[in-house]
Amino acid sequence: MKNKITITIIACCFIGAMGVNKGFSQLKGDHFLGAAGLDAGSQAPPETFTLLVPFYFYDASSLKDASGNISNHSPNLSMFLTAIGGSYVSNFKILGGTWGATALFPFAQNTIQGNIVSSKSSFAYSDTYIAPVQLGWRTKAADFVFDYSLYIPTGTYQAGGSNNSGLGMWANEFSAGTTIRLDPRGTIDFSSLFSYEINGDKKNTDIKTGDIFTAEGGLGKTWYTFNGTKVPSSIIKAGIVYYMQFKVTNDEIPIGDTPYVFEPGQDHIYSLGLESNVLLTKSRMLFGIRWFDELGAVNRLQGNTFFITIAHVFSTAPKKAQ
């Protein structure tokens, strides 16, 4: 018995060293990096409903260890996700902020579960995103937002499974942000959104992904085009975007039937990119694209993110009497 305990302890130490030095055991959170950009700290106008169809692409070009050095030059991991959803902003006030809500129903292929854990899954329904509380405040100089979001493990998940379409865990996320207008006309602004994700245990396991902090936003410029009228025919916005993410608490991975829990070192990532979007005011169609190049990764994958959005904005304001 003593020898078995000694061997188990040595094995735990060895696995821990491998995880810290090579970053092999970091677990992924639900927050999709790249989903927020130039308008990260702003809410859509009141009395609108936006029908959303986003497309998310991620390609990992390398795996970085705890020193930020490349431990795998070709991890051959990629992921695709799309969704259909909607975002509603009312005219109802809570604490002076306009209330809104968002829901996304996603479908994913090749879900990345962690640094070297990827499911070569077929296109399948993934984990549902619901934000029942989204509050927005607007002043002449800046916008402010607060969100509460919930990730629901509706995708297929089995520990060690090779066909998972979800992460198998509930997650609560709290976000707050602002968009600051930098010129009198409000055509140049800088936005930031700060999010804290609290993850639960994975389905039918004691495996727990650590809490995650994310900051994202960008510096943008807005242009208006006119077609012989005082109302702009299109609104174009483009600029530089960024995101950064840090694992705040360690992942917890039990080792077999022993009482020991493996807690690998925390990971982080930085990224810079470009965004461009256009709103066609007559058709109320919105098209946007963001590209991010990741850098400075520690204990995690590093690659490129593309996020494309197609949306239609409906007005929910009562029609004025003729």
Protein backbone atom coordinates (compact mmCIF):
# COMPACT_ATOMS: atom_id res chain seq x y z
CA MET A 1 0.00 0.00 0.00
CA LYS A 2 2.81 2.40 0.89
CA ASN A 3 4.50 1.74 -2.45
CA LYS A 4 1.24 2.40 -4.31
CA ILE A 5 0.79 5.72 -2.54
CA THR A 6 4.38 6.70 -3.31
CA ILE A 7 3.96 5.81 -6.98
CA THR A 8 0.71 7.78 -7.15
CA ILE A 9 2.36 10.86 -5.62
CA ILE A 10 5.28 10.62 -8.05
CA ALA A 11 2.85 10.24 -10.95
CA CYS A 12 0.90 13.29 -9.78
CA CYS A 13 4.08 15.35 -9.57
CA PHE A 14 5.17 14.20 -13.02
CA ILE A 15 1.80 14.99 -14.62
CA GLY A 16 1.77 18.36 -12.87
CA ALA A 17 5.22 19.19 -14.19
CA MET A 18 4.21 18.20 -17.70
CA GLY A 19 1.11 20.39 -17.50
CA VAL A 20 2.98 23.44 -16.21
CA ASN A 21 6.00 23.11 -18.49
CA LYS A 22 4.26 22.16 -21.71
CA GLY A 23 0.76 23.55 -21.13
CA PHE A 24 -0.88 20.28 -22.10
CA SER A 25 -3.80 20.33 -19.69
CA GLN A 26 -5.45 23.73 -19.94
CA LEU A 27 -9.22 23.57 -20.38
CA LYS A 28 -11.19 25.90 -22.62
CA GLY A 29 -13.98 28.19 -21.39
CA ASP A 30 -17.27 29.01 -23.09
CA HIS A 31 -16.52 32.65 -23.93
CA PHE A 32 -15.89 32.99 -27.68
CA LEU A 33 -13.03 35.39 -28.27
CA GLY A 34 -13.74 37.73 -31.15
CA ALA A 35 -17.49 37.97 -30.56
CA ALA A 36 -17.11 41.57 -29.34
CA GLY A 37 -15.24 44.30 -31.17
CA LEU A 38 -15.59 48.01 -31.93
CA ASP A 39 -18.99 48.34 -30.21
CA ALA A 40 -18.14 46.11 -27.24
CA GLY A 41 -19.12 48.78 -24.69
CA SER A 42 -22.39 49.88 -26.33
CA GLN A 43 -25.94 48.60 -26.47
CA ALA A 44 -28.07 48.63 -29.63
CA PRO A 45 -30.69 51.40 -29.88
CA PRO A 46 -33.88 50.99 -27.80
CA GLU A 47 -36.97 49.39 -29.32
CA THR A 48 -35.06 47.20 -31.75
CA PHE A 49 -34.73 43.47 -32.37
CA THR A 50 -31.64 42.22 -34.18
CA LEU A 51 -31.70 38.83 -35.89
CA LEU A 52 -28.13 37.48 -35.77
CA VAL A 53 -26.25 34.87 -37.81
CA PRO A 54 -22.57 34.83 -36.74
CA PHE A 55 -19.80 32.65 -38.19
CA TYR A 56 -16.75 31.84 -36.06
CA PHE A 57 -13.52 30.32 -37.40
CA TYR A 58 -10.44 29.49 -35.33
CA ASP A 59 -7.19 27.95 -36.56
CA ALA A 60 -4.39 27.11 -34.13
CA SER A 61 -0.90 27.63 -35.58
CA SER A 62 1.11 26.65 -32.49
CA LEU A 63 0.96 25.47 -28.88
CA LYS A 64 2.87 27.55 -26.30
CA ASP A 65 4.29 26.31 -22.99
CA ALA A 66 4.51 28.05 -19.60
CA SER A 67 7.53 30.07 -20.78
CA GLY A 68 5.78 31.22 -23.94
CA ASN A 69 7.95 28.97 -26.12
CA ILE A 70 6.48 26.83 -28.91
CA SER A 71 6.07 23.21 -27.82
CA ASN A 72 4.16 22.17 -30.94
CA HIS A 73 4.60 23.97 -34.28
CA SER A 74 1.66 22.22 -35.96
CA PRO A 75 -1.11 21.29 -33.49
CA ASN A 76 -3.51 20.84 -36.42
CA LEU A 77 -6.52 22.08 -34.44
CA SER A 78 -9.30 24.17 -35.92
CA MET A 79 -12.89 24.95 -35.09
CA PHE A 80 -15.98 26.29 -36.85
CA LEU A 81 -19.14 27.57 -35.18
CA THR A 82 -22.25 29.29 -36.43
CA ALA A 83 -25.50 30.19 -34.73
CA ILE A 84 -28.88 31.74 -35.13
CA GLY A 85 -30.08 34.13 -32.48
CA GLY A 86 -31.58 37.42 -31.57
CA SER A 87 -30.92 40.47 -29.45
CA TYR A 88 -33.79 42.61 -28.16
CA VAL A 89 -33.51 46.07 -26.61
CA SER A 90 -36.63 47.46 -24.97
CA ASN A 91 -37.61 50.90 -23.75
CA PHE A 92 -37.88 49.62 -20.17
CA LYS A 93 -35.51 51.04 -17.57
CA ILE A 94 -33.79 49.28 -14.65
CA LEU A 95 -31.60 51.47 -12.44
CA GLY A 96 -31.66 54.04 -15.23
CA GLY A 97 -30.33 51.55 -17.76
CA THR A 98 -32.25 50.26 -20.78
CA TRP A 99 -33.04 46.54 -20.47
CA GLY A 100 -32.27 44.09 -23.25
CA ALA A 101 -31.68 40.36 -23.73
CA THR A 102 -29.86 38.05 -26.16
CA ALA A 103 -30.07 34.36 -27.04
CA LEU A 104 -27.85 32.35 -29.40
CA PHE A 105 -28.43 28.77 -30.55
CA PRO A 106 -25.08 27.52 -31.93
CA PHE A 107 -23.87 24.66 -34.09
CA ALA A 108 -20.19 23.64 -33.96
CA GLN A 109 -17.75 21.42 -35.79
CA ASN A 110 -14.44 20.15 -34.30
CA THR A 111 -14.95 21.58 -30.83
CA ILE A 112 -11.67 22.48 -29.09
CA GLN A 113 -11.98 21.27 -25.48
CA GLY A 114 -8.48 22.27 -24.35
CA ASN A 115 -4.90 22.69 -25.50
CA ILE A 116 -4.54 19.29 -27.13
CA VAL A 117 -8.04 17.97 -26.66
CA SER A 118 -10.12 18.40 -29.81
CA SER A 119 -13.24 16.61 -30.95
CA LYS A 120 -13.29 15.83 -34.65
CA SER A 121 -17.03 16.10 -34.47
CA SER A 122 -19.52 16.47 -37.26
CA PHE A 123 -21.60 19.62 -37.47
CA ALA A 124 -23.84 19.42 -34.38
CA TYR A 125 -25.78 21.52 -31.91
CA SER A 126 -23.51 23.04 -29.26
CA ASP A 127 -23.96 24.91 -25.95
CA THR A 128 -26.72 27.52 -25.74
CA TYR A 129 -25.97 31.14 -24.81
CA ILE A 130 -28.57 33.27 -23.02
CA ALA A 131 -28.12 36.79 -21.65
CA PRO A 132 -31.38 37.58 -19.81
CA VAL A 133 -30.06 40.82 -18.33
CA GLN A 134 -28.34 43.41 -20.51
CA LEU A 135 -28.44 47.02 -19.28
CA GLY A 136 -27.25 50.02 -21.27
CA TRP A 137 -26.71 53.65 -20.38
CA ARG A 138 -25.94 56.43 -22.87
CA THR A 139 -24.50 59.88 -22.20
CA LYS A 140 -23.13 62.51 -24.57
CA ALA A 141 -19.54 61.48 -23.83
CA ALA A 142 -19.83 57.70 -23.39
CA ASP A 143 -21.94 54.54 -23.34
CA PHE A 144 -21.97 52.00 -20.51
CA VAL A 145 -23.19 48.39 -20.41
CA PHE A 146 -23.68 45.60 -17.87
CA ASP A 147 -24.54 42.00 -18.83
CA TYR A 148 -25.31 38.75 -17.07
CA SER A 149 -24.97 35.70 -19.31
CA LEU A 150 -25.53 31.97 -18.91
CA TYR A 151 -23.97 29.15 -20.95
CA ILE A 152 -26.14 26.02 -20.94
CA PRO A 153 -24.49 22.62 -21.71
CA THR A 154 -26.92 21.51 -24.44
CA GLY A 155 -24.20 20.14 -26.72
CA THR A 156 -23.10 16.51 -26.67
CA TYR A 157 -20.41 15.86 -24.05
CA GLN A 158 -18.74 12.80 -22.60
CA ALA A 159 -15.43 12.96 -20.73
CA GLY A 160 -12.75 11.66 -23.08
CA GLY A 161 -15.23 11.47 -25.94
CA SER A 162 -14.08 12.10 -29.50
CA ASN A 163 -17.39 13.46 -30.83
CA ASN A 164 -18.24 16.21 -28.35
CA SER A 165 -20.02 19.29 -29.66
CA GLY A 166 -20.14 21.09 -26.29
CA LEU A 167 -18.01 21.63 -23.20
CA GLY A 168 -20.36 19.83 -20.79
CA MET A 169 -20.52 22.55 -18.13
CA TRP A 170 -22.74 25.35 -16.91
CA ALA A 171 -21.10 28.77 -16.81
CA ASN A 172 -22.16 32.14 -15.43
CA GLU A 173 -20.59 35.30 -16.84
CA PHE A 174 -20.73 38.91 -15.66
CA SER A 175 -19.63 41.72 -17.99
CA ALA A 176 -19.26 45.49 -17.79
CA GLY A 177 -17.93 47.91 -20.38
CA THR A 178 -17.88 51.35 -21.90
CA THR A 179 -17.50 53.13 -25.23
CA ILE A 180 -15.86 56.55 -24.96
CA ARG A 181 -16.42 59.11 -27.73
CA LEU A 182 -13.17 60.88 -28.57
CA ASP A 183 -14.41 63.68 -30.85
CA PRO A 184 -17.36 66.15 -30.65
CA ARG A 185 -19.30 64.38 -33.44
CA GLY A 186 -18.85 60.95 -31.88
CA THR A 187 -17.30 59.47 -35.01
CA ILE A 188 -14.15 58.25 -33.22
CA ASP A 189 -14.49 56.07 -30.14
CA PHE A 190 -12.71 53.54 -27.98
CA SER A 191 -14.55 50.61 -26.38
CA SER A 192 -13.73 47.98 -23.78
CA LEU A 193 -15.76 45.14 -22.31
CA PHE A 194 -14.55 43.21 -19.25
CA SER A 195 -16.02 39.75 -18.54
CA TYR A 196 -15.62 37.25 -15.71
CA GLU A 197 -16.66 33.64 -16.41
CA ILE A 198 -17.39 31.25 -13.53
CA ASN A 199 -17.45 27.60 -14.65
CA GLY A 200 -19.11 24.60 -13.05
CA ASP A 201 -18.04 20.94 -13.05
CA LYS A 202 -18.12 19.11 -16.37
CA LYS A 203 -20.97 16.64 -16.85
CA ASN A 204 -20.68 13.45 -14.75
CA THR A 205 -17.15 14.38 -13.61
CA ASP A 206 -15.31 16.37 -10.96
CA ILE A 207 -13.34 18.17 -13.68
CA LYS A 208 -13.66 21.93 -13.35
CA THR A 209 -12.40 24.65 -15.70
CA GLY A 210 -10.92 27.62 -13.84
CA ASP A 211 -12.54 31.05 -13.79
CA ILE A 212 -11.66 33.20 -16.80
CA PHE A 213 -11.23 36.97 -17.23
CA THR A 214 -11.58 38.49 -20.70
CA ALA A 215 -11.06 42.04 -21.98
CA GLU A 216 -11.98 43.01 -25.55
CA GLY A 217 -12.88 46.04 -27.62
CA GLY A 218 -11.33 48.43 -30.12
CA LEU A 219 -10.63 51.89 -31.52
CA GLY A 220 -12.96 52.78 -34.38
CA LYS A 221 -13.92 55.48 -36.87
CA THR A 222 -17.43 55.94 -38.33
CA TRP A 223 -18.31 57.32 -41.77
CA TYR A 224 -21.74 58.22 -43.18
CA THR A 225 -22.66 58.05 -46.86
CA PHE A 226 -25.60 59.96 -48.35
CA ASN A 227 -27.63 59.44 -51.49
CA GLY A 228 -29.25 62.82 -52.06
CA THR A 229 -31.09 62.87 -48.72
CA LYS A 230 -30.34 64.04 -45.19
CA VAL A 231 -30.67 60.47 -43.93
CA PRO A 232 -27.47 58.41 -44.45
CA SER A 233 -27.84 55.54 -46.88
CA SER A 234 -25.12 53.57 -45.10
CA ILE A 235 -23.06 53.75 -41.92
CA ILE A 236 -19.54 52.34 -42.14
CA LYS A 237 -17.29 51.67 -39.16
CA ALA A 238 -13.75 50.31 -39.17
CA GLY A 239 -10.79 50.18 -36.84
CA ILE A 240 -8.36 48.21 -34.71
CA VAL A 241 -9.70 45.56 -32.34
CA TYR A 242 -8.15 43.54 -29.53
CA TYR A 243 -8.82 40.84 -26.99
CA MET A 244 -6.93 39.36 -24.07
CA GLN A 245 -7.87 36.47 -21.82
CA PHE A 246 -6.46 35.19 -18.51
CA LYS A 247 -7.24 32.05 -16.51
CA VAL A 248 -7.80 33.46 -13.00
CA THR A 249 -8.07 30.22 -11.03
CA ASN A 250 -6.51 26.84 -11.81
CA ASP A 251 -8.31 24.06 -13.64
CA GLU A 252 -9.14 21.13 -11.36
CA ILE A 253 -8.56 17.67 -12.89
CA PRO A 254 -8.89 14.64 -10.54
CA ILE A 255 -6.31 11.90 -11.10
CA GLY A 256 -8.08 8.55 -11.39
CA ASP A 257 -9.67 7.30 -8.16
CA THR A 258 -7.05 8.94 -5.97
CA PRO A 259 -7.82 11.91 -3.69
CA TYR A 260 -5.34 14.00 -5.66
CA VAL A 261 -6.36 16.85 -7.98
CA PHE A 262 -4.11 18.07 -10.79
CA GLU A 263 -4.10 21.90 -11.04
CA PRO A 264 -2.05 22.98 -14.08
CA GLY A 265 -0.60 26.49 -14.35
CA GLN A 266 -2.88 29.28 -15.55
CA ASP A 267 -2.90 30.37 -19.20
CA HIS A 268 -3.28 33.70 -20.99
CA ILE A 269 -3.41 35.14 -24.52
CA TYR A 270 -3.32 38.52 -26.27
CA SER A 271 -4.57 39.47 -29.72
CA LEU A 272 -4.76 42.39 -32.15
CA GLY A 273 -6.79 42.65 -35.32
CA LEU A 274 -8.98 44.63 -37.68
CA GLU A 275 -12.73 45.08 -38.01
CA SER A 276 -14.99 46.54 -40.67
CA ASN A 277 -18.77 46.66 -40.78
CA VAL A 278 -21.51 48.40 -42.70
CA LEU A 279 -25.16 49.08 -41.90
CA LEU A 280 -27.44 49.63 -44.91
CA THR A 281 -30.10 51.91 -43.45
CA LYS A 282 -32.82 51.29 -46.06
CA SER A 283 -32.74 47.48 -45.85
CA ARG A 284 -31.56 47.57 -42.21
CA MET A 285 -28.99 44.87 -42.98
CA LEU A 286 -25.70 44.73 -41.08
CA PHE A 287 -22.54 43.01 -42.32
CA GLY A 288 -19.35 42.77 -40.29
CA ILE A 289 -16.00 40.98 -40.25
CA ARG A 290 -13.27 40.79 -37.62
CA TRP A 291 -9.85 39.19 -37.89
CA PHE A 292 -7.51 38.64 -34.92
CA ASP A 293 -3.89 37.50 -34.84
CA GLU A 294 -3.03 36.02 -31.45
CA LEU A 295 0.29 36.66 -29.70
CA GLY A 296 1.96 36.25 -26.31
CA ALA A 297 0.24 32.94 -25.52
CA VAL A 298 1.27 31.07 -22.37
CA ASN A 299 0.08 27.52 -21.63
CA ARG A 300 -2.36 27.53 -24.53
CA LEU A 301 -2.93 27.43 -28.26
CA GLN A 302 -2.11 30.45 -30.42
CA GLY A 303 -3.58 31.15 -33.84
CA ASN A 304 -6.00 33.27 -35.86
CA THR A 305 -9.65 34.10 -35.26
CA PHE A 306 -12.21 35.20 -37.86
CA PHE A 307 -15.67 36.38 -36.84
CA ILE A 308 -18.27 37.24 -39.50
CA THR A 309 -21.71 38.62 -38.67
CA ILE A 310 -24.82 38.97 -40.81
CA ALA A 311 -27.77 40.66 -39.10
CA HIS A 312 -31.09 42.34 -39.76
CA VAL A 313 -32.32 45.09 -37.45
CA PHE A 314 -36.09 45.33 -36.90
CA SER A 315 -37.77 48.29 -35.26
CA THR A 316 -40.16 47.35 -32.43
CA ALA A 317 -41.33 50.93 -31.80
CA PRO A 318 -45.09 51.49 -32.13
CA LYS A 319 -46.04 52.93 -35.49
CA LYS A 320 -47.05 56.59 -35.38
CA ALA A 321 -50.60 57.42 -36.28
CA GLN A 322 -51.03 59.08 -39.66
